[in-house]
Amino acid sequence: MEQHYWLMKSEPDVFSIDDLVRLNSAPWDGIRNYQVRNLLRDHFQIGDLAFFYHSSCKEPAIVGIMQIITTAYPDSSALDPSSPYFDPKSTSEKLPWLRVDVQLVHKLTRPITLATLRQHSEPLTDLPLLKRGNRLSITPVTPEQWHYILALVES
């Protein structure tokens, strides 16, 4: 089975790396984009690794590494009217949204900021995060990009 790598964005005031540190594992829910839903459904595998990325904050950055611990399953938050992820078009018979569970591998002691990643745009030229107009909350990371970014973490 081929190892896949991902970058998964969360706004820290919604769900932060510290929340994941406290919980150790949690569902990654609230995906309401069909392209991302299809990634979860068709490509995510147990054992895949992902960068945890804080977005929409003062200093966007990769702040941790996590592992995918379930395959995609229905995201019941779409059915809960009190959830920020409620989808009035979803029903228990027709629930199009999926989530996976993630587990903390480790929190980075030094976040890798978006500015730092941009300084390395040549080797990371195809990293979706650095492409203009990319707003997807989950994007693939190639093995080469994954290892390059890990080297930045360790430098």
Foldseek 3Di string as FASTA:
>chain_A
DDAWEKEFEDAVVVPNVVNLVVVQKDKPDLDDDVVVQCCLQPPDDFFHKYFYWHPPDPWIFRFFMKTFHFRKDFDCLCVDPVHPSHPPVDDPVRGSGIITMIGGPDTQPDTCTPVNVVVVCVQVVPVLVPDPPDDHRMDTDDPSRVVVVVVVSVD
